[in-house]
Every structure is written in structure tokens, then in C-alpha cells.
């Protein structure tokens, strides 16, 4: 449910607090957890959750998060930083290109 704000928080944590990318990602996961729990409560209270889709999607997201976390602890910080820059830049370009469609 982050909508991308945790990516921005990660960037600011690295730039302004001088922590490593892994530490910044871990810190923003706590923020994301809190906002996701709040959103889940609001959506569930309004009957806006399709559990037939939500449960398998949640399981897949957890598996991806588990795999990504283990991968991130096994690769170098430099490789992780470069990967994040490439992926975030690519997503930003796609967002700009799709603006107004």
C-alpha cells in the first residue's frame, strides 16, 4: 500500500542520516507496516477487500519479500545501490511516459 513513499523515505534516510541502504530499507519497512495495517483496517471495515484475491496475493508478496531480504543480505552494498538506482529510475521514466494516458 506504500504508493512509493517508502522509496522516497529510503533515499532521504541514506542521504540525510548517513545510514546504509540496507538499514534505510529496514527502517522504512516499519513505516510501511504501520501504514499498511491502518489501510487494511479501513478497507476491511468498509468491505472493500476481495479475500479470494487478497490472500494469494499476500502470500506471494510475503514470499517475494522473504526472497528479496535474503538476497539483499548476500550481495554487496554497491550492487544493491546500483540495482535500486536502475529500478527506481526505470519506474520513474515509465511513470512520466504514462502520464496523461
Protein backbone atom coordinates (compact mmCIF):
# COMPACT_ATOMS: atom_id res chain seq x y z
CA UNK A 1 0.00 0.00 0.00
CA UNK A 2 3.01 2.29 0.09
CA UNK A 3 2.40 4.03 -3.21
CA UNK A 4 6.13 4.64 -3.49
CA UNK A 5 6.63 6.88 -0.50
CA UNK A 6 8.86 4.34 1.24
CA UNK A 7 11.26 4.55 -1.70
CA UNK A 8 11.50 8.29 -1.13
CA UNK A 9 11.93 7.75 2.63
CA UNK A 10 14.72 5.26 1.90
CA UNK A 11 16.52 7.79 -0.27
CA UNK A 12 16.21 10.54 2.36
CA UNK A 13 17.37 8.22 5.14
CA UNK A 14 20.52 7.38 3.19
CA UNK A 15 21.22 10.98 2.15
CA UNK A 16 20.40 12.81 5.37
CA UNK A 17 21.02 10.28 8.15
CA UNK A 18 24.09 8.62 6.65
CA UNK A 19 22.85 5.09 7.18
CA UNK A 20 23.43 2.23 4.77
CA UNK A 21 20.88 1.30 2.16
CA UNK A 22 20.06 -1.96 3.99
CA UNK A 23 19.47 -0.04 7.25
CA UNK A 24 17.30 2.52 5.45
CA UNK A 25 15.20 -0.18 3.81
CA UNK A 26 14.72 -1.91 7.17
CA UNK A 27 13.66 1.37 8.82
CA UNK A 28 11.15 2.20 6.10
CA UNK A 29 9.64 -1.28 6.34
CA UNK A 30 8.43 -0.37 9.83
CA UNK A 31 6.74 2.75 8.45
CA UNK A 32 5.23 0.73 5.62
CA UNK A 33 3.95 -1.91 8.04
CA UNK A 34 2.13 0.70 10.12
CA UNK A 35 0.51 2.39 7.11
CA UNK A 36 -0.44 -0.95 5.55
CA UNK A 37 -2.08 -2.13 8.76
CA UNK A 38 -4.05 1.12 9.00
CA UNK A 39 -5.15 0.84 5.37
CA UNK A 40 -6.15 -2.79 5.83
CA UNK A 41 -8.34 -1.90 8.81
CA UNK A 42 -10.04 0.93 6.90
CA UNK A 43 -10.62 -1.14 3.75
CA UNK A 44 -11.85 -4.17 5.74
CA UNK A 45 -14.23 -2.01 7.77
CA UNK A 46 -15.73 -0.76 4.51
CA UNK A 47 -15.96 -4.22 2.94
CA UNK A 48 -13.51 -3.25 0.20
CA UNK A 49 -11.28 -6.33 0.36
CA UNK A 50 -11.76 -9.26 -2.03
CA UNK A 51 -10.25 -12.01 0.12
CA UNK A 52 -10.16 -14.52 -2.77
CA UNK A 53 -7.61 -12.24 -4.43
CA UNK A 54 -6.05 -10.73 -1.31
CA UNK A 55 -4.97 -13.97 0.38
CA UNK A 56 -2.97 -15.45 -2.55
CA UNK A 57 -1.57 -12.00 -3.38
CA UNK A 58 -0.46 -11.55 0.24
CA UNK A 59 1.21 -14.97 0.22
CA UNK A 60 3.07 -14.13 -3.00
CA UNK A 61 4.15 -10.76 -1.62
CA UNK A 62 5.46 -12.40 1.55
CA UNK A 63 7.41 -14.95 -0.48
CA UNK A 64 8.88 -12.18 -2.63
CA UNK A 65 9.79 -10.14 0.44
CA UNK A 66 11.44 -13.13 2.06
CA UNK A 67 13.44 -13.90 -1.09
CA UNK A 68 14.39 -10.23 -1.57
CA UNK A 69 15.50 -9.82 2.03
CA UNK A 70 17.74 -12.86 1.86
CA UNK A 71 19.15 -11.79 -1.48
CA UNK A 72 19.87 -8.29 -0.17
CA UNK A 73 21.89 -9.65 2.73
CA UNK A 74 24.02 -11.78 0.39
CA UNK A 75 25.02 -9.18 -2.22
CA UNK A 76 27.34 -6.21 -1.90
CA UNK A 77 26.01 -2.80 -0.89
CA UNK A 78 27.37 -1.35 -4.12
CA UNK A 79 25.46 -3.86 -6.25
CA UNK A 80 22.31 -3.26 -4.22
CA UNK A 81 22.65 0.51 -4.56
CA UNK A 82 23.17 0.30 -8.33
CA UNK A 83 20.21 -2.06 -8.71
CA UNK A 84 17.95 0.24 -6.73
CA UNK A 85 19.01 3.29 -8.75
CA UNK A 86 18.36 1.48 -12.04
CA UNK A 87 14.99 0.07 -10.96
CA UNK A 88 13.71 3.31 -9.41
CA UNK A 89 14.91 5.34 -12.40
CA UNK A 90 13.20 2.93 -14.77
CA UNK A 91 9.95 3.12 -12.82
CA UNK A 92 10.14 6.92 -12.76
CA UNK A 93 10.64 7.01 -16.54
CA UNK A 94 7.68 4.68 -17.05
CA UNK A 95 5.56 6.88 -14.81
CA UNK A 96 6.48 10.02 -16.74
CA UNK A 97 5.83 8.31 -20.09
CA UNK A 98 2.41 7.07 -18.96
CA UNK A 99 1.36 10.44 -17.52
CA UNK A 100 -1.91 11.56 -19.09
CA UNK A 101 -2.82 8.19 -20.60
